[in-house]
Amino acid sequence: METIWIKGVQLILSLSILVFIHELGHFFWSRLFKVKVEKFYLFFDTEKFALIRFTPAGRPQLPAMINVTIPGGDTEYGIGWIPLGGYCKIAGMVDESMDKEQLAQEPKPWEFRTQTAGKRFMIMVGGVLNNMLLAIFIYICMAWYWGKDVVYMRDIEPGMTYSAYAHEVGFQEGDVIWEVAGEKADITNFRNELLMGSSITIKRGEELVSIQVPDTIGQFFLGHPEELASFATAKVPMVVDDVVLGGPAARAGMQAGDSIVAVNGTDAPYVGIVSSLIAGHPDQEVTIGFYRNGERKEATLTLNEESKMGISYMPMNVADYVTHISYNFLEAIPAGIVRGWDMLYNYVRQFKLVFTPEGAKSLGGFGTMASIFPEAWDWYAFWAMTAFFSVALAFMNILPIPALDGGHIMFLVVEIVTGRKPSDRVLEIAQYIGFGIVLALLIFVNGNDLYKFVIKPFLD
């Protein structure tokens, strides 16, 4: 239960930062162009309740736990009680509030709808721009404070072993992963390019060879995530470090120190091969060959519902192969910009996988987002995930879907090109359609979470 709370708090704090910065972008450009902002809230409120309201003098105060009257100004600020985001209500704009009463009145010079297309464009793109700037700022600070740890795959001295699927693709035992996309291969860029079906340069003997990965490989990995984990792994012997009390291995008599070398008669001297051979076989019986004190033994056990043996193994000391890169503040700036751009570039490239059956099944909502955070509070992981979510929010918001910023921008681009502004009625209808699309998407992704985290474990 404590783990759930830690993950949940990290998610809410992360999303609160992202939404506040996003809405601040709309607020900044609106005020710059002297457009009235009626309300600016972190979290959502209702007319009957909010946690805090800062109400301009002369405006009626709505119920709140804390109500403060502020002199001057025309914007009501506050913190709502529904922690699912926030909003910036701009006067004279067709948005999710559907304020038809205001739109029915004569347009005012300080309203959104009376501004030039260029000003309205900047007001709408301000949120997306802020999210990208936030991600870059976080990456700059992370580079300056923590630096960067990289594990170059050619530096892993034990070498790599490859799964059966990797052999089908064209990899061979002894291959050294050398370059991807013209850069020295590290674990991160190798995974990215592998998912996209790019060309991978390997060193085979003394020769550099290019392997063209199938462009459908990303779709395959979404349906078989265990294959991605075991595709290319370091040649680490699977020596049992501990056995789970009452688990399959413990019941079969296995002990700490046992060195696994075979699964069902197939040689499996390394962690990656063992993992690949037992993956996808829940509740099935397997025979494990291992050495104990130099003597070859066998144990027959039934894997658990997660296709696990109930052991932990002695991992490779990754620290031996880490290259740490330190940055001073000036060096951290371009490093942060490059990392932010690379994150956006790879996110956009991999977005096409969403439109495959496997991609749709892998989509997740708030539960999936929370599960990505670590079980114990880790500031590096928190800021890394916040920056990633900021990039994702920027991209998703720029999509040309009515009700999102991208929908408004789409209509503005049409207006700039044609010289004709869509009517408020057209914008209202588009807003209803877009809101329906967004609502359906939210129901779908959170429904996926409900199935993955609640229904499927219950059925299994």
Protein backbone atom coordinates (compact mmCIF):
# COMPACT_ATOMS: atom_id res chain seq x y z
CA MET A 1 0.00 0.00 0.00
CA GLU A 2 2.86 2.37 0.82
CA THR A 3 4.32 1.77 -2.65
CA ILE A 4 1.01 2.73 -4.28
CA TRP A 5 0.93 5.97 -2.30
CA ILE A 6 4.52 6.86 -3.23
CA LYS A 7 3.86 6.23 -6.91
CA GLY A 8 0.54 8.11 -6.77
CA VAL A 9 2.04 11.18 -5.07
CA GLN A 10 4.85 11.29 -7.62
CA LEU A 11 2.34 11.14 -10.48
CA ILE A 12 0.10 13.88 -9.06
CA LEU A 13 3.06 16.15 -8.31
CA SER A 14 4.52 15.57 -11.78
CA LEU A 15 1.23 16.23 -13.59
CA SER A 16 0.56 19.29 -11.41
CA ILE A 17 3.88 20.83 -12.48
CA LEU A 18 3.25 20.01 -16.14
CA VAL A 19 -0.29 21.37 -16.24
CA PHE A 20 0.61 24.51 -14.30
CA ILE A 21 3.47 25.30 -16.71
CA HIS A 22 1.28 24.46 -19.71
CA GLU A 23 -1.58 26.73 -18.64
CA LEU A 24 0.95 29.40 -17.67
CA GLY A 25 1.93 29.50 -21.35
CA HIS A 26 -1.63 30.37 -22.37
CA PHE A 27 -1.84 32.87 -19.50
CA PHE A 28 1.45 34.61 -20.40
CA TRP A 29 0.61 35.21 -24.06
CA SER A 30 -2.95 36.25 -23.23
CA ARG A 31 -1.74 38.90 -20.79
CA LEU A 32 1.00 39.98 -23.19
CA PHE A 33 -1.65 40.76 -25.79
CA LYS A 34 -3.96 42.27 -23.14
CA VAL A 35 -6.56 39.53 -23.50
CA LYS A 36 -8.65 38.99 -20.36
CA VAL A 37 -8.09 35.78 -18.43
CA GLU A 38 -11.16 35.11 -16.31
CA LYS A 39 -9.87 32.15 -14.27
CA PHE A 40 -6.50 30.46 -13.73
CA TYR A 41 -6.67 27.26 -11.66
CA LEU A 42 -4.45 24.41 -10.62
CA PHE A 43 -6.74 21.35 -10.42
CA PHE A 44 -10.43 21.59 -11.26
CA ASP A 45 -13.02 23.34 -9.12
CA THR A 46 -16.80 23.51 -9.16
CA GLU A 47 -19.07 26.46 -8.52
CA LYS A 48 -19.96 24.92 -5.17
CA PHE A 49 -16.43 24.24 -3.90
CA ALA A 50 -12.66 24.81 -4.30
CA LEU A 51 -9.77 24.53 -1.88
CA ILE A 52 -8.56 28.12 -2.38
CA ARG A 53 -9.99 31.03 -4.33
CA PHE A 54 -8.35 34.42 -4.87
CA THR A 55 -11.22 36.56 -6.12
CA PRO A 56 -10.82 40.13 -7.50
CA ALA A 57 -12.55 42.80 -5.45
CA GLY A 58 -16.09 43.48 -6.62
CA ARG A 59 -16.65 39.97 -7.99
CA PRO A 60 -18.96 37.58 -6.07
CA GLN A 61 -17.05 34.98 -4.07
CA LEU A 62 -17.89 31.35 -4.73
CA PRO A 63 -17.64 28.78 -1.88
CA ALA A 64 -14.12 27.63 -0.97
CA MET A 65 -12.19 26.29 2.00
CA ILE A 66 -10.08 29.47 1.88
CA ASN A 67 -11.47 32.59 0.23
CA VAL A 68 -9.24 35.62 -0.30
CA THR A 69 -10.20 38.94 -1.88
CA ILE A 70 -7.43 40.51 -3.95
CA PRO A 71 -7.41 44.21 -4.91
CA GLY A 72 -7.51 45.11 -8.58
CA GLY A 73 -7.10 42.77 -11.52
CA ASP A 74 -9.75 40.80 -13.37
CA THR A 75 -8.50 37.21 -13.00
CA GLU A 76 -9.70 34.74 -10.40
CA TYR A 77 -6.91 32.42 -9.24
CA GLY A 78 -7.33 29.23 -7.26
CA ILE A 79 -6.65 25.62 -6.43
CA GLY A 80 -9.48 23.19 -7.13
CA TRP A 81 -10.21 19.93 -5.39
CA ILE A 82 -10.10 17.50 -8.33
CA PRO A 83 -6.36 16.76 -8.95
CA LEU A 84 -6.61 15.96 -12.64
CA GLY A 85 -4.93 19.00 -14.16
CA GLY A 86 -6.00 22.61 -14.26
CA TYR A 87 -7.19 25.27 -16.67
CA CYS A 88 -6.87 28.81 -17.94
CA LYS A 89 -10.26 30.33 -18.94
CA ILE A 90 -9.69 32.99 -21.58
CA ALA A 91 -12.49 35.47 -22.28
CA GLY A 92 -14.21 35.09 -25.65
CA MET A 93 -12.74 31.72 -26.50
CA VAL A 94 -14.68 28.61 -27.50
CA ASP A 95 -13.28 26.05 -25.05
CA GLU A 96 -14.41 23.17 -22.85
CA SER A 97 -16.42 25.56 -20.64
CA MET A 98 -18.87 26.11 -23.53
CA ASP A 99 -19.75 29.58 -22.21
CA LYS A 100 -22.46 30.32 -24.80
CA GLU A 101 -23.79 33.29 -22.83
CA GLN A 102 -20.55 35.19 -23.24
CA LEU A 103 -20.19 34.23 -26.90
CA ALA A 104 -23.73 35.48 -27.62
CA GLN A 105 -22.76 38.99 -26.52
CA GLU A 106 -21.15 41.66 -28.67
CA PRO A 107 -17.39 40.92 -29.02
CA LYS A 108 -15.17 43.03 -26.76
CA PRO A 109 -11.69 44.32 -27.68
CA TRP A 110 -10.13 42.41 -24.78
CA GLU A 111 -11.57 39.04 -25.83
CA PHE A 112 -9.70 36.22 -27.54
CA ARG A 113 -12.06 36.17 -30.54
CA THR A 114 -11.32 39.79 -31.48
CA GLN A 115 -7.55 39.31 -31.71
CA THR A 116 -5.62 38.82 -34.93
CA ALA A 117 -5.00 35.25 -36.10
CA GLY A 118 -1.31 35.63 -35.28
CA LYS A 119 -1.99 36.65 -31.67
CA ARG A 120 -4.53 33.85 -31.21
CA PHE A 121 -1.99 31.41 -32.66
CA MET A 122 0.65 32.42 -30.09
CA ILE A 123 -1.86 32.20 -27.23
CA MET A 124 -2.81 28.66 -28.25
CA VAL A 125 0.72 27.43 -28.97
CA GLY A 126 2.00 28.93 -25.69
CA GLY A 127 1.11 25.84 -23.64
CA VAL A 128 2.89 23.41 -25.97
CA LEU A 129 5.90 25.70 -26.19
CA ASN A 130 6.09 25.92 -22.39
CA ASN A 131 6.03 22.13 -22.02
CA MET A 132 8.94 21.71 -24.44
CA LEU A 133 10.88 24.50 -22.72
CA LEU A 134 10.18 22.87 -19.34
CA ALA A 135 11.51 19.50 -20.55
CA ILE A 136 14.66 21.12 -21.92
CA PHE A 137 15.13 23.11 -18.70
CA ILE A 138 14.82 19.92 -16.61
CA TYR A 139 17.30 18.09 -18.84
CA ILE A 140 19.75 21.00 -18.58
CA CYS A 141 19.50 20.95 -14.78
CA MET A 142 19.87 17.15 -14.67
CA ALA A 143 22.97 17.28 -16.87
CA TRP A 144 24.48 20.03 -14.73
CA TYR A 145 23.69 18.41 -11.36
CA TRP A 146 23.97 14.68 -12.08
CA GLY A 147 25.85 14.50 -15.35
CA LYS A 148 25.16 11.51 -17.56
CA ASP A 149 25.90 7.80 -17.21
CA VAL A 150 26.26 5.87 -20.44
CA VAL A 151 26.92 2.16 -21.01
CA TYR A 152 28.43 1.71 -24.46
CA MET A 153 27.59 -1.78 -25.67
CA ARG A 154 31.00 -2.35 -27.29
CA ASP A 155 32.62 -1.82 -23.87
CA ILE A 156 30.78 -4.68 -22.14
CA GLU A 157 33.65 -7.14 -21.86
CA PRO A 158 31.68 -10.39 -21.38
CA GLY A 159 30.07 -9.63 -24.74
CA MET A 160 26.43 -10.11 -25.70
CA THR A 161 24.25 -13.14 -26.14
CA TYR A 162 21.16 -13.08 -28.35
CA SER A 163 17.72 -14.61 -28.12
CA ALA A 164 16.32 -17.03 -30.69
CA TYR A 165 14.32 -14.17 -32.21
CA ALA A 166 17.48 -12.05 -32.50
CA HIS A 167 19.10 -14.92 -34.42
CA GLU A 168 16.12 -14.92 -36.81
CA VAL A 169 16.64 -11.20 -37.40
CA GLY A 170 20.30 -11.80 -38.31
CA PHE A 171 22.37 -11.47 -35.14
CA GLN A 172 24.93 -14.15 -34.27
CA GLU A 173 26.71 -15.15 -31.10
CA GLY A 174 29.90 -13.13 -30.82
CA ASP A 175 28.47 -10.05 -32.59
CA VAL A 176 29.41 -6.77 -30.92
CA ILE A 177 26.79 -4.02 -31.22
CA TRP A 178 28.87 -1.16 -32.60
CA GLU A 179 26.81 1.74 -33.93
CA VAL A 180 23.20 2.86 -34.38
CA ALA A 181 22.10 5.84 -36.47
CA GLY A 182 25.75 6.77 -37.00
CA GLU A 183 26.45 7.03 -33.26
CA LYS A 184 28.32 4.80 -30.83
CA ALA A 185 25.72 2.32 -29.58
CA ASP A 186 24.59 2.58 -25.98
CA ILE A 187 21.73 0.76 -24.31
CA THR A 188 19.27 3.64 -24.81
CA ASN A 189 19.82 4.48 -28.47
CA PHE A 190 20.09 0.77 -29.35
CA ARG A 191 16.62 0.12 -27.87
CA ASN A 192 15.15 3.16 -29.67
CA GLU A 193 16.54 2.20 -33.07
CA LEU A 194 15.65 -1.46 -32.56
CA LEU A 195 12.01 -0.53 -31.93
CA MET A 196 11.94 1.56 -35.09
CA GLY A 197 13.38 -1.20 -37.29
CA SER A 198 16.52 0.75 -38.12
CA SER A 199 19.85 -0.51 -39.43
CA ILE A 200 22.19 -1.73 -36.68
CA THR A 201 25.97 -1.86 -37.25
CA ILE A 202 27.68 -4.80 -35.54
CA LYS A 203 31.29 -5.93 -35.43
CA ARG A 204 31.60 -9.55 -36.48
CA GLY A 205 35.19 -10.66 -36.08
CA GLU A 206 37.20 -7.84 -37.65
CA GLU A 207 34.45 -6.76 -40.03
CA LEU A 208 31.68 -4.17 -39.55
CA VAL A 209 28.35 -5.54 -40.77
CA SER A 210 25.03 -3.74 -41.13
CA ILE A 211 21.87 -5.60 -40.07
CA GLN A 212 18.57 -4.18 -41.31
CA VAL A 213 16.00 -4.86 -38.63
CA PRO A 214 12.42 -5.53 -39.93
CA ASP A 215 10.23 -2.42 -39.74
CA THR A 216 7.53 -4.53 -38.04
CA ILE A 217 9.78 -5.39 -35.09
CA GLY A 218 8.35 -2.67 -32.85
CA GLN A 219 4.86 -4.09 -33.28
CA PHE A 220 6.23 -7.56 -32.45
CA PHE A 221 7.89 -6.32 -29.24
CA LEU A 222 4.67 -4.64 -28.09
CA GLY A 223 2.95 -8.00 -28.30
CA HIS A 224 5.94 -9.85 -26.80
CA PRO A 225 7.66 -7.50 -24.30
CA GLU A 226 9.73 -10.35 -22.89
CA GLU A 227 11.46 -10.67 -26.27
CA LEU A 228 12.67 -7.07 -26.11
CA ALA A 229 14.18 -7.67 -22.66
CA SER A 230 16.05 -10.78 -23.80
CA PHE A 231 16.87 -9.73 -27.39
CA ALA A 232 20.48 -8.77 -26.58
CA THR A 233 21.82 -9.28 -23.06
CA ALA A 234 25.26 -9.33 -21.50
CA LYS A 235 26.83 -12.75 -21.08
CA VAL A 236 26.15 -12.96 -17.35
CA PRO A 237 26.12 -16.48 -15.87
CA MET A 238 22.85 -17.15 -14.03
CA VAL A 239 24.15 -17.84 -10.54
CA VAL A 240 21.35 -17.99 -7.97
CA ASP A 241 21.76 -15.27 -5.36
CA ASP A 242 18.64 -16.12 -3.36
CA VAL A 243 15.47 -18.21 -3.64
CA VAL A 244 11.99 -16.99 -2.77
CA LEU A 245 10.67 -18.85 0.26
CA GLY A 246 7.91 -21.19 -0.92
CA GLY A 247 8.57 -20.34 -4.58
CA PRO A 248 8.98 -22.84 -7.44
CA ALA A 249 12.79 -23.05 -7.14
CA ALA A 250 12.69 -23.41 -3.36
CA ARG A 251 10.11 -26.21 -3.57
CA ALA A 252 12.34 -27.98 -6.12
CA GLY A 253 15.31 -27.85 -3.74
CA MET A 254 17.41 -25.21 -5.51
CA GLN A 255 19.77 -23.12 -3.37
CA ALA A 256 21.77 -19.92 -3.43
CA GLY A 257 25.01 -20.49 -5.33
CA ASP A 258 23.51 -22.87 -7.89
CA SER A 259 24.72 -22.00 -11.40
CA ILE A 260 22.01 -22.61 -14.03
CA VAL A 261 23.28 -23.94 -17.37
CA ALA A 262 20.26 -25.55 -19.10
CA VAL A 263 16.49 -25.37 -19.50
CA ASN A 264 14.64 -28.49 -20.69
CA GLY A 265 17.90 -29.89 -22.05
CA THR A 266 18.78 -26.73 -24.01
CA ASP A 267 22.11 -25.15 -23.09
CA ALA A 268 21.45 -21.86 -21.29
CA PRO A 269 24.67 -20.61 -19.69
CA TYR A 270 23.61 -16.95 -19.47
CA VAL A 271 20.80 -14.93 -17.89
CA GLY A 272 19.37 -13.75 -21.20
CA ILE A 273 19.07 -17.26 -22.62
CA VAL A 274 17.47 -18.66 -19.46
CA SER A 275 14.98 -15.76 -19.36
CA SER A 276 14.12 -16.24 -23.02
CA LEU A 277 13.52 -19.99 -22.65
CA ILE A 278 11.15 -19.72 -19.69
CA ALA A 279 9.32 -16.56 -20.79
CA GLY A 280 5.72 -16.98 -21.84
CA HIS A 281 5.24 -20.36 -20.09
CA PRO A 282 3.19 -19.60 -16.97
CA ASP A 283 2.30 -22.53 -14.71
CA GLN A 284 4.28 -24.94 -16.90
CA GLU A 285 6.75 -27.57 -15.76
CA VAL A 286 10.41 -27.11 -16.74
CA THR A 287 13.60 -29.00 -16.00
CA ILE A 288 16.50 -26.84 -14.88
CA GLY A 289 20.08 -28.07 -15.23
CA PHE A 290 22.60 -26.49 -12.84
CA TYR A 291 25.94 -26.96 -11.12
CA ARG A 292 26.34 -27.07 -7.35
CA ASN A 293 29.84 -27.34 -5.93
CA GLY A 294 31.09 -28.58 -9.30
CA GLU A 295 28.47 -31.33 -9.56
CA ARG A 296 25.85 -31.30 -12.35
CA LYS A 297 22.27 -31.59 -11.05
CA GLU A 298 18.70 -31.22 -12.33
CA ALA A 299 15.51 -29.91 -10.76
CA THR A 300 11.99 -30.09 -12.14
CA LEU A 301 9.77 -27.20 -11.13
CA THR A 302 6.53 -25.51 -12.15
CA LEU A 303 6.89 -21.86 -13.12
CA ASN A 304 4.57 -19.38 -11.41
CA GLU A 305 1.84 -17.36 -13.14
CA GLU A 306 4.44 -14.81 -14.28
CA SER A 307 6.70 -17.48 -15.83
CA LYS A 308 9.22 -16.99 -13.03
CA MET A 309 11.23 -19.52 -11.03
CA GLY A 310 11.21 -17.51 -7.81
CA ILE A 311 14.91 -16.69 -7.69
CA SER A 312 17.18 -13.67 -7.80
CA TYR A 313 20.51 -13.95 -9.55
CA MET A 314 23.88 -12.30 -9.14
CA PRO A 315 23.82 -9.39 -11.61
CA MET A 316 26.66 -8.06 -13.67
CA ASN A 317 28.38 -5.12 -12.02
CA VAL A 318 27.17 -2.51 -14.50
CA ALA A 319 29.27 0.14 -12.74
CA ASP A 320 32.37 -1.47 -14.28
CA TYR A 321 31.14 -0.47 -17.75
CA VAL A 322 29.61 2.95 -17.06
CA THR A 323 31.09 6.01 -18.72
CA HIS A 324 30.22 9.05 -16.63
CA ILE A 325 30.03 12.38 -18.44
CA SER A 326 30.14 15.55 -16.32
CA TYR A 327 28.97 18.97 -17.53
CA ASN A 328 29.56 22.48 -16.28
CA PHE A 329 26.61 24.84 -16.58
CA LEU A 330 27.51 26.10 -20.07
CA GLU A 331 28.10 22.55 -21.33
CA ALA A 332 24.81 21.38 -19.79
CA ILE A 333 22.77 23.81 -21.93
CA PRO A 334 23.43 22.20 -25.34
CA ALA A 335 23.35 18.74 -23.71
CA GLY A 336 19.87 19.44 -22.31
CA ILE A 337 18.63 20.84 -25.62
CA VAL A 338 19.90 17.79 -27.52
CA ARG A 339 18.32 15.38 -25.02
CA GLY A 340 14.97 17.20 -25.20
CA TRP A 341 15.01 17.15 -29.00
CA ASP A 342 16.03 13.47 -29.09
CA MET A 343 13.20 12.60 -26.70
CA LEU A 344 10.64 14.40 -28.88
CA TYR A 345 12.10 12.92 -32.08
CA ASN A 346 11.95 9.35 -30.79
CA TYR A 347 8.49 9.84 -29.26
CA VAL A 348 7.12 11.08 -32.60
CA ARG A 349 8.79 8.22 -34.49
CA GLN A 350 7.40 5.58 -32.15
CA PHE A 351 3.92 7.11 -32.10
CA LYS A 352 3.01 5.19 -35.25
CA LEU A 353 3.03 2.00 -33.16
CA VAL A 354 -0.08 3.28 -31.35
CA PHE A 355 -2.10 2.57 -34.49
CA THR A 356 -1.31 -1.15 -34.45
CA PRO A 357 -3.44 -3.69 -32.55
CA GLU A 358 -0.54 -4.40 -30.18
CA GLY A 359 0.08 -0.69 -29.69
CA ALA A 360 -3.56 -0.01 -28.83
CA LYS A 361 -3.50 -2.79 -26.22
CA SER A 362 -0.34 -1.37 -24.66
CA LEU A 363 -1.82 2.10 -24.14
CA GLY A 364 -2.33 3.00 -20.50
CA GLY A 365 -3.89 5.72 -18.39
CA PHE A 366 -3.11 7.09 -14.95
CA GLY A 367 -2.37 3.63 -13.54
CA THR A 368 0.27 2.90 -16.17
CA MET A 369 1.79 6.35 -15.74
CA ALA A 370 2.03 5.87 -11.96
CA SER A 371 3.55 2.40 -12.37
CA ILE A 372 6.51 3.86 -14.28
CA PHE A 373 7.69 5.80 -11.22
CA PRO A 374 10.02 3.98 -8.78
CA GLU A 375 8.70 2.40 -5.61
CA ALA A 376 10.98 4.57 -3.44
CA TRP A 377 11.32 8.31 -3.90
CA ASP A 378 14.15 9.10 -6.29
CA TRP A 379 14.58 12.71 -7.44
CA TYR A 380 16.57 11.75 -10.56
CA ALA A 381 13.86 9.33 -11.68
CA PHE A 382 11.12 11.82 -10.77
CA TRP A 383 12.58 14.64 -12.86
CA ALA A 384 13.44 12.29 -15.73
CA MET A 385 9.84 11.05 -15.88
CA THR A 386 8.44 14.60 -15.50
CA ALA A 387 10.56 15.77 -18.44
CA PHE A 388 9.42 12.78 -20.53
CA PHE A 389 5.75 13.40 -19.69
CA SER A 390 6.24 17.08 -20.56
CA VAL A 391 7.49 16.13 -24.03
CA ALA A 392 4.60 13.68 -24.44
CA LEU A 393 2.06 16.30 -23.30
CA ALA A 394 3.49 18.84 -25.76
CA PHE A 395 3.20 16.40 -28.66
CA MET A 396 -0.25 15.08 -27.74
CA ASN A 397 -1.59 18.62 -27.32
CA ILE A 398 -0.38 19.70 -30.75
CA LEU A 399 -2.33 16.93 -32.49
CA PRO A 400 -5.09 18.42 -34.69
CA ILE A 401 -7.96 17.19 -32.53
CA PRO A 402 -10.67 19.72 -31.62
CA ALA A 403 -10.72 20.41 -27.85
CA LEU A 404 -6.93 20.14 -27.78
CA ASP A 405 -4.60 23.05 -28.49
CA GLY A 406 -3.76 21.44 -31.83
CA GLY A 407 -7.42 21.61 -32.86
CA HIS A 408 -7.56 25.35 -32.23
CA ILE A 409 -4.24 25.79 -34.05
CA MET A 410 -5.56 23.77 -37.00
CA PHE A 411 -8.51 26.15 -37.43
CA LEU A 412 -6.17 29.15 -37.06
CA VAL A 413 -3.87 27.82 -39.79
CA VAL A 414 -6.88 27.35 -42.08
CA GLU A 415 -7.96 30.92 -41.29
CA ILE A 416 -4.48 32.32 -42.00
CA VAL A 417 -4.26 30.43 -45.31
CA THR A 418 -7.81 31.13 -46.55
CA GLY A 419 -8.38 34.50 -44.90
CA ARG A 420 -11.75 33.26 -43.58
CA LYS A 421 -12.48 32.76 -39.90
CA PRO A 422 -14.71 29.79 -38.92
CA SER A 423 -17.94 30.82 -37.19
CA ASP A 424 -18.37 30.36 -33.44
CA ARG A 425 -21.03 27.73 -34.22
CA VAL A 426 -18.54 25.65 -36.25
CA LEU A 427 -16.01 25.94 -33.43
CA GLU A 428 -18.65 24.88 -30.88
CA ILE A 429 -19.56 21.76 -32.87
CA ALA A 430 -15.88 20.91 -33.37
CA GLN A 431 -15.32 21.36 -29.64
CA TYR A 432 -18.11 18.87 -28.84
CA ILE A 433 -16.67 16.35 -31.31
CA GLY A 434 -13.15 16.79 -29.96
CA PHE A 435 -14.30 16.51 -26.37
CA GLY A 436 -16.04 13.25 -27.27
CA ILE A 437 -12.86 11.89 -28.88
CA VAL A 438 -10.74 12.84 -25.85
CA LEU A 439 -13.29 11.37 -23.43
CA ALA A 440 -13.45 8.12 -25.41
CA LEU A 441 -9.64 7.93 -25.42
CA LEU A 442 -9.49 8.49 -21.64
CA ILE A 443 -12.07 5.75 -21.08
CA PHE A 444 -10.15 3.39 -23.39
CA VAL A 445 -6.68 3.85 -21.88
CA ASN A 446 -7.90 3.73 -18.29
CA GLY A 447 -10.04 0.73 -19.21
CA ASN A 448 -6.82 -0.94 -20.38
CA ASP A 449 -5.35 -0.19 -16.95
CA LEU A 450 -8.38 -1.68 -15.23
CA TYR A 451 -7.97 -4.87 -17.26
CA LYS A 452 -4.17 -5.11 -16.79
CA PHE A 453 -4.03 -4.31 -13.08
CA VAL A 454 -7.35 -5.65 -11.77
CA ILE A 455 -9.30 -7.94 -14.09
CA LYS A 456 -6.45 -9.95 -15.68
CA PRO A 457 -4.71 -10.81 -12.35
CA PHE A 458 -8.10 -11.86 -10.96
CA LEU A 459 -8.81 -14.10 -13.96
CA ASP A 460 -5.30 -15.58 -13.86
